Amino acid sequence: KLSALGYGDIHLSTLEKSGEGKNEALYLNVIAP
């Protein structure tokens, strides 16, 4: 998914987690050029 979005080399620690329990999801949150 990250590769398809053009962020295949992004550091995973910069990804955002949001939600609780089963609803927790991972978000890409960056400033794009």
PDB file of all heavy atoms in Angstrom:
ATOM      1  N   LYS A   1       0.831  -1.201   0.000  1.00  0.00           N
ATOM      2  CA  LYS A   1       0.000   0.000   0.000  1.00  0.00           C
ATOM      3  C   LYS A   1       0.864   1.249   0.000  1.00  0.00           C
ATOM      4  O   LYS A   1       0.626   2.202  -0.759  1.00  0.00           O
ATOM      5  CB  LYS A   1      -0.909  -0.011   1.236  1.00  0.00           C
ATOM      6  CG  LYS A   1      -1.851   1.176   1.359  1.00  0.00           C
ATOM      7  CD  LYS A   1      -3.143   0.916   0.644  1.00  0.00           C
ATOM      8  CE  LYS A   1      -4.170   1.989   0.953  1.00  0.00           C
ATOM      9  NZ  LYS A   1      -5.430   1.782   0.251  1.00  0.00           N
ATOM     10  N   LEU A   2       1.901   1.267   0.840  1.00  0.00           N
ATOM     11  CA  LEU A   2       2.803   2.424   0.907  1.00  0.00           C
ATOM     12  C   LEU A   2       3.526   2.615  -0.415  1.00  0.00           C
ATOM     13  O   LEU A   2       3.696   3.748  -0.892  1.00  0.00           O
ATOM     14  CB  LEU A   2       3.808   2.238   2.046  1.00  0.00           C
ATOM     15  CG  LEU A   2       3.243   2.379   3.458  1.00  0.00           C
ATOM     16  CD1 LEU A   2       4.267   1.921   4.495  1.00  0.00           C
ATOM     17  CD2 LEU A   2       2.828   3.823   3.721  1.00  0.00           C
ATOM     18  N   SER A   3       3.951   1.526  -1.013  1.00  0.00           N
ATOM     19  CA  SER A   3       4.660   1.606  -2.284  1.00  0.00           C
ATOM     20  C   SER A   3       3.762   2.172  -3.375  1.00  0.00           C
ATOM     21  O   SER A   3       4.190   2.999  -4.191  1.00  0.00           O
ATOM     22  CB  SER A   3       5.168   0.223  -2.682  1.00  0.00           C
ATOM     23  OG  SER A   3       5.853   0.282  -3.912  1.00  0.00           O
ATOM     24  N   ALA A   4       2.513   1.736  -3.372  1.00  0.00           N
ATOM     25  CA  ALA A   4       1.575   2.219  -4.385  1.00  0.00           C
ATOM     26  C   ALA A   4       1.320   3.716  -4.251  1.00  0.00           C
ATOM     27  O   ALA A   4       1.079   4.406  -5.245  1.00  0.00           O
ATOM     28  CB  ALA A   4       0.256   1.452  -4.267  1.00  0.00           C
ATOM     29  N   LEU A   5       1.408   4.221  -3.017  1.00  0.00           N
ATOM     30  CA  LEU A   5       1.198   5.650  -2.768  1.00  0.00           C
ATOM     31  C   LEU A   5       2.462   6.465  -2.980  1.00  0.00           C
ATOM     32  O   LEU A   5       2.433   7.701  -2.870  1.00  0.00           O
ATOM     33  CB  LEU A   5       0.673   5.868  -1.343  1.00  0.00           C
ATOM     34  CG  LEU A   5      -0.732   5.314  -1.058  1.00  0.00           C
ATOM     35  CD1 LEU A   5      -1.035   5.400   0.439  1.00  0.00           C
ATOM     36  CD2 LEU A   5      -1.782   6.081  -1.856  1.00  0.00           C
ATOM     37  N   GLY A   6       3.572   5.790  -3.272  1.00  0.00           N
ATOM     38  CA  GLY A   6       4.825   6.501  -3.491  1.00  0.00           C
ATOM     39  C   GLY A   6       5.611   6.757  -2.218  1.00  0.00           C
ATOM     40  O   GLY A   6       6.518   7.597  -2.203  1.00  0.00           O
ATOM     41  N   TYR A   7       5.289   6.038  -1.142  1.00  0.00           N
ATOM     42  CA  TYR A   7       5.982   6.230   0.144  1.00  0.00           C
ATOM     43  C   TYR A   7       6.575   4.901   0.627  1.00  0.00           C
ATOM     44  O   TYR A   7       6.534   4.574   1.811  1.00  0.00           O
ATOM     45  CB  TYR A   7       5.001   6.786   1.192  1.00  0.00           C
ATOM     46  CG  TYR A   7       4.575   8.206   0.903  1.00  0.00           C
ATOM     47  CD1 TYR A   7       3.419   8.460   0.173  1.00  0.00           C
ATOM     48  CD2 TYR A   7       5.349   9.281   1.340  1.00  0.00           C
ATOM     49  CE1 TYR A   7       3.028   9.761  -0.115  1.00  0.00           C
ATOM     50  CE2 TYR A   7       4.954  10.587   1.063  1.00  0.00           C
ATOM     51  CZ  TYR A   7       3.802  10.820   0.334  1.00  0.00           C
ATOM     52  OH  TYR A   7       3.428  12.109   0.055  1.00  0.00           O
ATOM     53  N   GLY A   8       7.142   4.142  -0.302  1.00  0.00           N
ATOM     54  CA  GLY A   8       7.702   2.847   0.056  1.00  0.00           C
ATOM     55  C   GLY A   8       8.892   2.925   0.989  1.00  0.00           C
ATOM     56  O   GLY A   8       9.184   1.970   1.730  1.00  0.00           O
ATOM     57  N   ASP A   9       9.593   4.085   1.010  1.00  0.00           N
ATOM     58  CA  ASP A   9      10.789   4.209   1.854  1.00  0.00           C
ATOM     59  C   ASP A   9      10.532   4.998   3.132  1.00  0.00           C
ATOM     60  O   ASP A   9      11.467   5.372   3.844  1.00  0.00           O
ATOM     61  CB  ASP A   9      11.917   4.875   1.057  1.00  0.00           C
ATOM     62  CG  ASP A   9      11.501   6.241   0.515  1.00  0.00           C
ATOM     63  OD1 ASP A   9      10.288   6.578   0.625  1.00  0.00           O
ATOM     64  OD2 ASP A   9      12.361   6.961  -0.027  1.00  0.00           O
ATOM     65  N   ILE A  10       9.257   5.268   3.438  1.00  0.00           N
ATOM     66  CA  ILE A  10       8.953   6.061   4.628  1.00  0.00           C
ATOM     67  C   ILE A  10       9.254   5.249   5.885  1.00  0.00           C
ATOM     68  O   ILE A  10       9.100   4.012   5.909  1.00  0.00           O
ATOM     69  CB  ILE A  10       7.471   6.513   4.614  1.00  0.00           C
ATOM     70  CG1 ILE A  10       7.231   7.604   5.662  1.00  0.00           C
ATOM     71  CG2 ILE A  10       6.535   5.324   4.842  1.00  0.00           C
ATOM     72  CD1 ILE A  10       5.854   8.241   5.548  1.00  0.00           C
ATOM     73  N   HIS A  11       9.719   5.932   6.942  1.00  0.00           N
ATOM     74  CA  HIS A  11       9.994   5.256   8.218  1.00  0.00           C
ATOM     75  C   HIS A  11       8.668   4.933   8.885  1.00  0.00           C
ATOM     76  O   HIS A  11       7.799   5.806   9.046  1.00  0.00           O
ATOM     77  CB  HIS A  11      10.857   6.146   9.116  1.00  0.00           C
ATOM     78  CG  HIS A  11      11.560   5.362  10.197  1.00  0.00           C
ATOM     79  ND1 HIS A  11      10.906   4.880  11.306  1.00  0.00           N
ATOM     80  CD2 HIS A  11      12.853   4.960  10.309  1.00  0.00           C
ATOM     81  CE1 HIS A  11      11.752   4.225  12.086  1.00  0.00           C
ATOM     82  NE2 HIS A  11      12.962   4.258  11.493  1.00  0.00           N
ATOM     83  N   LEU A  12       8.501   3.663   9.266  1.00  0.00           N
ATOM     84  CA  LEU A  12       7.218   3.225   9.813  1.00  0.00           C
ATOM     85  C   LEU A  12       6.839   3.954  11.095  1.00  0.00           C
ATOM     86  O   LEU A  12       5.657   4.075  11.427  1.00  0.00           O
ATOM     87  CB  LEU A  12       7.248   1.719  10.069  1.00  0.00           C
ATOM     88  CG  LEU A  12       7.427   0.839   8.812  1.00  0.00           C
ATOM     89  CD1 LEU A  12       7.446  -0.628   9.202  1.00  0.00           C
ATOM     90  CD2 LEU A  12       6.310   1.103   7.813  1.00  0.00           C
ATOM     91  N   SER A  13       7.828   4.472  11.825  1.00  0.00           N
ATOM     92  CA  SER A  13       7.533   5.164  13.089  1.00  0.00           C
ATOM     93  C   SER A  13       6.798   6.478  12.865  1.00  0.00           C
ATOM     94  O   SER A  13       6.212   7.034  13.794  1.00  0.00           O
ATOM     95  CB  SER A  13       8.842   5.426  13.852  1.00  0.00           C
ATOM     96  OG  SER A  13       9.686   6.285  13.090  1.00  0.00           O
ATOM     97  N   THR A  14       6.836   6.984  11.610  1.00  0.00           N
ATOM     98  CA  THR A  14       6.154   8.252  11.315  1.00  0.00           C
ATOM     99  C   THR A  14       4.674   8.052  11.006  1.00  0.00           C
ATOM    100  O   THR A  14       3.935   9.019  10.892  1.00  0.00           O
ATOM    101  CB  THR A  14       6.825   8.959  10.129  1.00  0.00           C
ATOM    102  OG1 THR A  14       6.682   8.124   8.967  1.00  0.00           O
ATOM    103  CG2 THR A  14       8.293   9.219  10.402  1.00  0.00           C
ATOM    104  N   LEU A  15       4.243   6.803  10.856  1.00  0.00           N
ATOM    105  CA  LEU A  15       2.837   6.543  10.563  1.00  0.00           C
ATOM    106  C   LEU A  15       1.994   6.766  11.814  1.00  0.00           C
ATOM    107  O   LEU A  15       2.442   6.532  12.939  1.00  0.00           O
ATOM    108  CB  LEU A  15       2.657   5.125  10.049  1.00  0.00           C
ATOM    109  CG  LEU A  15       3.397   4.789   8.742  1.00  0.00           C
ATOM    110  CD1 LEU A  15       3.162   3.332   8.365  1.00  0.00           C
ATOM    111  CD2 LEU A  15       2.963   5.708   7.616  1.00  0.00           C
ATOM    112  N   GLU A  16       0.773   7.197  11.620  1.00  0.00           N
ATOM    113  CA  GLU A  16      -0.118   7.570  12.728  1.00  0.00           C
ATOM    114  C   GLU A  16      -1.111   6.453  13.013  1.00  0.00           C
ATOM    115  O   GLU A  16      -1.681   5.874  12.094  1.00  0.00           O
ATOM    116  CB  GLU A  16      -0.873   8.851  12.358  1.00  0.00           C
ATOM    117  CG  GLU A  16      -1.946   9.260  13.352  1.00  0.00           C
ATOM    118  CD  GLU A  16      -2.865  10.343  12.807  1.00  0.00           C
ATOM    119  OE1 GLU A  16      -2.477  11.021  11.828  1.00  0.00           O
ATOM    120  OE2 GLU A  16      -3.969  10.497  13.356  1.00  0.00           O
ATOM    121  N   LYS A  17      -1.296   6.165  14.317  1.00  0.00           N
ATOM    122  CA  LYS A  17      -2.332   5.230  14.738  1.00  0.00           C
ATOM    123  C   LYS A  17      -3.504   6.018  15.298  1.00  0.00           C
ATOM    124  O   LYS A  17      -3.310   6.974  16.053  1.00  0.00           O
ATOM    125  CB  LYS A  17      -1.804   4.270  15.789  1.00  0.00           C
ATOM    126  CG  LYS A  17      -0.771   3.265  15.276  1.00  0.00           C
ATOM    127  CD  LYS A  17      -0.324   2.315  16.387  1.00  0.00           C
ATOM    128  CE  LYS A  17       0.707   1.315  15.877  1.00  0.00           C
ATOM    129  NZ  LYS A  17       1.174   0.403  16.957  1.00  0.00           N
ATOM    130  N   SER A  18      -4.688   5.615  14.913  1.00  0.00           N
ATOM    131  CA  SER A  18      -5.874   6.324  15.379  1.00  0.00           C
ATOM    132  C   SER A  18      -6.997   5.317  15.609  1.00  0.00           C
ATOM    133  O   SER A  18      -7.133   4.341  14.874  1.00  0.00           O
ATOM    134  CB  SER A  18      -6.311   7.366  14.342  1.00  0.00           C
ATOM    135  OG  SER A  18      -7.439   8.077  14.797  1.00  0.00           O
ATOM    136  N   GLY A  19      -7.803   5.584  16.650  1.00  0.00           N
ATOM    137  CA  GLY A  19      -8.890   4.677  16.983  1.00  0.00           C
ATOM    138  C   GLY A  19      -8.507   3.778  18.146  1.00  0.00           C
ATOM    139  O   GLY A  19      -7.364   3.773  18.611  1.00  0.00           O
ATOM    140  N   GLU A  20      -9.483   3.011  18.612  1.00  0.00           N
ATOM    141  CA  GLU A  20      -9.242   2.128  19.754  1.00  0.00           C
ATOM    142  C   GLU A  20      -9.707   0.717  19.450  1.00  0.00           C
ATOM    143  O   GLU A  20     -10.656   0.502  18.695  1.00  0.00           O
ATOM    144  CB  GLU A  20      -9.980   2.651  20.992  1.00  0.00           C
ATOM    145  CG  GLU A  20      -9.490   4.006  21.474  1.00  0.00           C
ATOM    146  CD  GLU A  20     -10.250   4.470  22.714  1.00  0.00           C
ATOM    147  OE1 GLU A  20     -11.153   3.728  23.163  1.00  0.00           O
ATOM    148  OE2 GLU A  20      -9.934   5.552  23.217  1.00  0.00           O
ATOM    149  N   GLY A  21      -9.016  -0.248  20.078  1.00  0.00           N
ATOM    150  CA  GLY A  21      -9.407  -1.660  19.960  1.00  0.00           C
ATOM    151  C   GLY A  21      -9.420  -2.134  18.522  1.00  0.00           C
ATOM    152  O   GLY A  21      -8.486  -1.900  17.752  1.00  0.00           O
ATOM    153  N   LYS A  22     -10.536  -2.774  18.152  1.00  0.00           N
ATOM    154  CA  LYS A  22     -10.653  -3.307  16.802  1.00  0.00           C
ATOM    155  C   LYS A  22     -10.742  -2.215  15.741  1.00  0.00           C
ATOM    156  O   LYS A  22     -10.513  -2.466  14.550  1.00  0.00           O
ATOM    157  CB  LYS A  22     -11.896  -4.202  16.704  1.00  0.00           C
ATOM    158  CG  LYS A  22     -11.807  -5.480  17.527  1.00  0.00           C
ATOM    159  CD  LYS A  22     -13.060  -6.325  17.332  1.00  0.00           C
ATOM    160  CE  LYS A  22     -12.983  -7.619  18.149  1.00  0.00           C
ATOM    161  NZ  LYS A  22     -14.206  -8.447  17.982  1.00  0.00           N
ATOM    162  N   ASN A  23     -11.076  -0.993  16.162  1.00  0.00           N
ATOM    163  CA  ASN A  23     -11.232   0.115  15.210  1.00  0.00           C
ATOM    164  C   ASN A  23      -9.932   0.866  14.962  1.00  0.00           C
ATOM    165  O   ASN A  23      -9.905   1.822  14.196  1.00  0.00           O
ATOM    166  CB  ASN A  23     -12.287   1.105  15.714  1.00  0.00           C
ATOM    167  CG  ASN A  23     -13.668   0.477  15.761  1.00  0.00           C
ATOM    168  OD1 ASN A  23     -14.016  -0.327  14.886  1.00  0.00           O
ATOM    169  ND2 ASN A  23     -14.453   0.819  16.773  1.00  0.00           N
ATOM    170  N   GLU A  24      -8.853   0.438  15.656  1.00  0.00           N
ATOM    171  CA  GLU A  24      -7.587   1.147  15.477  1.00  0.00           C
ATOM    172  C   GLU A  24      -7.054   0.913  14.058  1.00  0.00           C
ATOM    173  O   GLU A  24      -7.046  -0.212  13.555  1.00  0.00           O
ATOM    174  CB  GLU A  24      -6.553   0.671  16.499  1.00  0.00           C
ATOM    175  CG  GLU A  24      -5.256   1.489  16.444  1.00  0.00           C
ATOM    176  CD  GLU A  24      -4.226   1.002  17.453  1.00  0.00           C
ATOM    177  OE1 GLU A  24      -3.812  -0.178  17.333  1.00  0.00           O
ATOM    178  OE2 GLU A  24      -3.853   1.781  18.329  1.00  0.00           O
ATOM    179  N   ALA A  25      -6.641   2.010  13.409  1.00  0.00           N
ATOM    180  CA  ALA A  25      -6.140   1.923  12.043  1.00  0.00           C
ATOM    181  C   ALA A  25      -4.864   2.735  11.910  1.00  0.00           C
ATOM    182  O   ALA A  25      -4.563   3.612  12.741  1.00  0.00           O
ATOM    183  CB  ALA A  25      -7.187   2.410  11.056  1.00  0.00           C
ATOM    184  N   LEU A  26      -4.155   2.443  10.845  1.00  0.00           N
ATOM    185  CA  LEU A  26      -2.888   3.115  10.569  1.00  0.00           C
ATOM    186  C   LEU A  26      -3.115   4.146   9.464  1.00  0.00           C
ATOM    187  O   LEU A  26      -3.761   3.856   8.453  1.00  0.00           O
ATOM    188  CB  LEU A  26      -1.849   2.085  10.117  1.00  0.00           C
ATOM    189  CG  LEU A  26      -0.375   2.472  10.256  1.00  0.00           C
ATOM    190  CD1 LEU A  26      -0.016   2.729  11.723  1.00  0.00           C
ATOM    191  CD2 LEU A  26       0.500   1.368   9.675  1.00  0.00           C
ATOM    192  N   TYR A  27      -2.581   5.360   9.670  1.00  0.00           N
ATOM    193  CA  TYR A  27      -2.773   6.450   8.717  1.00  0.00           C
ATOM    194  C   TYR A  27      -1.432   6.979   8.241  1.00  0.00           C
ATOM    195  O   TYR A  27      -0.460   7.031   9.002  1.00  0.00           O
ATOM    196  CB  TYR A  27      -3.549   7.603   9.361  1.00  0.00           C
ATOM    197  CG  TYR A  27      -5.015   7.313   9.553  1.00  0.00           C
ATOM    198  CD1 TYR A  27      -5.453   6.568  10.652  1.00  0.00           C
ATOM    199  CD2 TYR A  27      -5.967   7.784   8.661  1.00  0.00           C
ATOM    200  CE1 TYR A  27      -6.800   6.290  10.845  1.00  0.00           C
ATOM    201  CE2 TYR A  27      -7.319   7.520   8.845  1.00  0.00           C
ATOM    202  CZ  TYR A  27      -7.728   6.780   9.940  1.00  0.00           C
ATOM    203  OH  TYR A  27      -9.062   6.526  10.117  1.00  0.00           O
ATOM    204  N   LEU A  28      -1.415   7.368   6.978  1.00  0.00           N
ATOM    205  CA  LEU A  28      -0.278   8.106   6.436  1.00  0.00           C
ATOM    206  C   LEU A  28      -0.554   9.578   6.688  1.00  0.00           C
ATOM    207  O   LEU A  28      -1.596  10.097   6.301  1.00  0.00           O
ATOM    208  CB  LEU A  28      -0.142   7.838   4.927  1.00  0.00           C
ATOM    209  CG  LEU A  28       0.939   8.630   4.191  1.00  0.00           C
ATOM    210  CD1 LEU A  28       2.328   8.163   4.621  1.00  0.00           C
ATOM    211  CD2 LEU A  28       0.779   8.473   2.676  1.00  0.00           C
ATOM    212  N   ASN A  29       0.362  10.262   7.333  1.00  0.00           N
ATOM    213  CA  ASN A  29       0.160  11.679   7.657  1.00  0.00           C
ATOM    214  C   ASN A  29       1.465  12.418   7.374  1.00  0.00           C
ATOM    215  O   ASN A  29       2.380  12.434   8.187  1.00  0.00           O
ATOM    216  CB  ASN A  29      -0.239  11.829   9.128  1.00  0.00           C
ATOM    217  CG  ASN A  29      -0.848  13.198   9.408  1.00  0.00           C
ATOM    218  OD1 ASN A  29      -0.711  14.121   8.606  1.00  0.00           O
ATOM    219  ND2 ASN A  29      -1.519  13.331  10.537  1.00  0.00           N
ATOM    220  N   VAL A  30       1.541  13.012   6.168  1.00  0.00           N
ATOM    221  CA  VAL A  30       2.791  13.644   5.746  1.00  0.00           C
ATOM    222  C   VAL A  30       2.505  14.968   5.059  1.00  0.00           C
ATOM    223  O   VAL A  30       1.368  15.277   4.716  1.00  0.00           O
ATOM    224  CB  VAL A  30       3.568  12.733   4.775  1.00  0.00           C
ATOM    225  CG1 VAL A  30       3.997  11.441   5.448  1.00  0.00           C
ATOM    226  CG2 VAL A  30       2.734  12.439   3.528  1.00  0.00           C
ATOM    227  N   ILE A  31       3.561  15.729   4.853  1.00  0.00           N
ATOM    228  CA  ILE A  31       3.505  16.932   4.019  1.00  0.00           C
ATOM    229  C   ILE A  31       4.103  16.550   2.670  1.00  0.00           C
ATOM    230  O   ILE A  31       5.285  16.232   2.573  1.00  0.00           O
ATOM    231  CB  ILE A  31       4.296  18.106   4.644  1.00  0.00           C
ATOM    232  CG1 ILE A  31       3.707  18.466   6.007  1.00  0.00           C
ATOM    233  CG2 ILE A  31       4.275  19.300   3.704  1.00  0.00           C
ATOM    234  CD1 ILE A  31       2.273  18.952   5.948  1.00  0.00           C
ATOM    235  N   ALA A  32       3.245  16.545   1.646  1.00  0.00           N
ATOM    236  CA  ALA A  32       3.691  16.121   0.313  1.00  0.00           C
ATOM    237  C   ALA A  32       4.216  17.316  -0.471  1.00  0.00           C
ATOM    238  O   ALA A  32       3.668  18.422  -0.370  1.00  0.00           O
ATOM    239  CB  ALA A  32       2.540  15.473  -0.435  1.00  0.00           C
ATOM    240  N   PRO A  33       5.263  17.098  -1.248  1.00  0.00           N
ATOM    241  CA  PRO A  33       5.794  18.200  -2.057  1.00  0.00           C
ATOM    242  C   PRO A  33       4.834  18.550  -3.188  1.00  0.00           C
ATOM    243  O   PRO A  33       4.212  17.661  -3.788  1.00  0.00           O
ATOM    244  CB  PRO A  33       7.108  17.639  -2.597  1.00  0.00           C
ATOM    245  CG  PRO A  33       6.917  16.162  -2.599  1.00  0.00           C
ATOM    246  CD  PRO A  33       6.043  15.863  -1.413  1.00  0.00           C
TER     247      PRO A  33
END
